[in-house]
Amino acid sequence: EVQLVESGGGLVQAGGSLRLSCAASGFSFDDYAIGWFRQAPGKERRGVSCISNSDGYTYYAESVKGRFTISSDNAKNTVYLQMNSLKPEDTAIYYCAAEELILTMTCLDYSMNYWGNGTLVTVSS
């Protein structure tokens, strides 16, 4: 059974930090990219960051570049998203997703094969 389990969300003040974790099981971790997406209230889900477990290639949305860092521990089948200098506009449900690496990592919502249930991040001003 495929599982993606997010953890690490919570309430933090603006300027603070959180680290999200995504623990994956039930598929060949090295053959997938893992991404973080977020959905704020009343808005569409958007890609935040992705990492290829094959070659380590990373992608960041412009809005988080320089503040968020994605990393992968292939031995633990876990991907992390370190979020620093958090802003109120980062408030959202953060979802972990897995994309099978066919040709290249796309980090696009509709390309994801599996999704987690999400973890809520709230940044207060």
Protein backbone atom coordinates (compact mmCIF):
# COMPACT_ATOMS: atom_id res chain seq x y z
CA GLU A 1 0.00 0.00 0.00
CA VAL A 2 1.36 3.38 -1.02
CA GLN A 3 1.55 5.91 1.77
CA LEU A 4 2.79 9.48 2.00
CA VAL A 5 2.57 10.81 5.53
CA GLU A 6 3.24 14.46 6.25
CA SER A 7 4.21 15.84 9.63
CA GLY A 8 5.69 18.97 11.13
CA GLY A 9 2.97 21.49 10.48
CA GLY A 10 1.75 23.88 13.13
CA LEU A 11 1.39 27.47 14.23
CA VAL A 12 4.38 29.79 14.03
CA GLN A 13 4.93 33.52 14.14
CA ALA A 14 6.06 35.44 11.11
CA GLY A 15 9.81 35.17 10.70
CA GLY A 16 9.87 31.76 12.34
CA SER A 17 10.75 28.34 10.97
CA LEU A 18 9.18 24.93 10.55
CA ARG A 19 10.41 21.68 9.08
CA LEU A 20 7.95 19.46 7.29
CA SER A 21 8.57 15.76 6.78
CA CYS A 22 7.11 13.38 4.22
CA ALA A 23 7.57 9.69 4.95
CA ALA A 24 7.00 7.51 1.91
CA SER A 25 6.33 3.79 1.63
CA GLY A 26 4.88 1.27 -0.79
CA PHE A 27 6.77 2.31 -3.93
CA SER A 28 10.31 2.49 -5.22
CA PHE A 29 11.47 5.76 -3.66
CA ASP A 30 14.50 6.22 -5.91
CA ASP A 31 12.33 6.11 -9.04
CA TYR A 32 10.21 9.05 -7.98
CA ALA A 33 10.39 12.75 -7.37
CA ILE A 34 8.75 14.05 -4.22
CA GLY A 35 7.10 17.42 -4.17
CA TRP A 36 5.47 19.79 -1.75
CA PHE A 37 2.32 21.60 -2.80
CA ARG A 38 0.19 23.99 -0.81
CA GLN A 39 -3.35 25.21 -0.86
CA ALA A 40 -4.37 28.38 0.92
CA PRO A 41 -8.02 29.04 1.83
CA GLY A 42 -9.98 29.95 -1.29
CA LYS A 43 -7.02 29.43 -3.60
CA GLU A 44 -5.80 26.77 -5.97
CA ARG A 45 -3.20 24.22 -4.97
CA ARG A 46 0.25 25.27 -6.14
CA GLY A 47 3.66 23.66 -6.33
CA VAL A 48 6.17 24.82 -3.73
CA SER A 49 9.22 22.63 -4.21
CA CYS A 50 10.22 19.26 -5.64
CA ILE A 51 13.24 17.01 -5.52
CA SER A 52 14.21 14.13 -7.78
CA ASN A 53 15.30 11.11 -5.77
CA SER A 54 17.17 9.91 -8.85
CA ASP A 55 19.62 12.76 -9.36
CA GLY A 56 18.82 15.25 -6.59
CA TYR A 57 17.57 17.94 -8.95
CA THR A 58 15.45 20.49 -7.14
CA TYR A 59 12.79 23.02 -8.06
CA TYR A 60 11.47 25.95 -6.05
CA ALA A 61 8.60 28.28 -6.70
CA GLU A 62 9.73 31.90 -6.93
CA SER A 63 7.76 32.82 -3.82
CA VAL A 64 9.85 30.51 -1.61
CA LYS A 65 13.32 30.72 -3.18
CA GLY A 66 15.93 31.59 -0.61
CA ARG A 67 13.61 30.76 2.29
CA PHE A 68 12.68 27.09 1.81
CA THR A 69 15.04 24.15 1.34
CA ILE A 70 14.01 20.70 0.19
CA SER A 71 16.11 17.63 0.96
CA SER A 72 15.78 13.89 0.72
CA ASP A 73 17.04 11.05 2.88
CA ASN A 74 16.86 8.06 0.56
CA ALA A 75 17.86 5.68 3.33
CA LYS A 76 14.78 6.72 5.31
CA ASN A 77 12.47 7.26 2.33
CA THR A 78 11.76 10.68 3.72
CA VAL A 79 11.74 14.15 2.19
CA TYR A 80 12.01 17.31 4.25
CA LEU A 81 11.00 20.89 3.61
CA GLN A 82 12.84 23.36 5.80
CA MET A 83 10.87 26.59 5.87
CA ASN A 84 12.57 29.71 7.20
CA SER A 85 11.54 33.36 7.36
CA LEU A 86 7.91 32.32 7.20
CA LYS A 87 5.32 34.88 6.15
CA PRO A 88 1.57 35.01 6.79
CA GLU A 89 1.06 34.32 3.07
CA ASP A 90 2.75 30.93 3.57
CA THR A 91 -0.30 29.84 5.56
CA ALA A 92 -1.82 26.82 3.82
CA ILE A 93 -2.32 23.10 3.91
CA TYR A 94 0.91 21.56 2.67
CA TYR A 95 0.67 18.33 0.72
CA CYS A 96 3.39 15.87 -0.11
CA ALA A 97 3.15 14.13 -3.49
CA ALA A 98 5.13 11.62 -5.53
CA GLU A 99 5.78 11.76 -9.27
CA GLU A 100 7.13 8.75 -11.14
CA LEU A 101 10.26 9.78 -13.04
CA ILE A 102 9.43 8.81 -16.64
CA LEU A 103 11.56 11.33 -18.55
CA THR A 104 12.14 14.18 -16.15
CA MET A 105 10.70 15.77 -13.05
CA THR A 106 7.85 18.13 -13.86
CA CYS A 107 6.68 19.14 -10.38
CA LEU A 108 3.22 19.71 -11.80
CA ASP A 109 0.05 18.99 -9.87
CA TYR A 110 -1.48 16.80 -12.58
CA SER A 111 1.71 14.72 -12.96
CA MET A 112 1.70 13.46 -9.39
CA ASN A 113 0.89 9.78 -8.93
CA TYR A 114 0.35 9.76 -5.17
CA TRP A 115 -0.70 12.29 -2.54
CA GLY A 116 -0.56 12.59 1.21
CA ASN A 117 -3.40 13.96 3.32
CA GLY A 118 -1.72 17.25 4.10
CA THR A 119 -0.49 19.13 7.13
CA LEU A 120 -1.62 22.61 8.15
CA VAL A 121 0.88 25.43 8.44
CA THR A 122 -0.37 28.66 10.01
CA VAL A 123 1.85 31.74 10.14
CA SER A 124 0.62 34.52 12.38
CA SER A 125 1.54 38.15 11.83
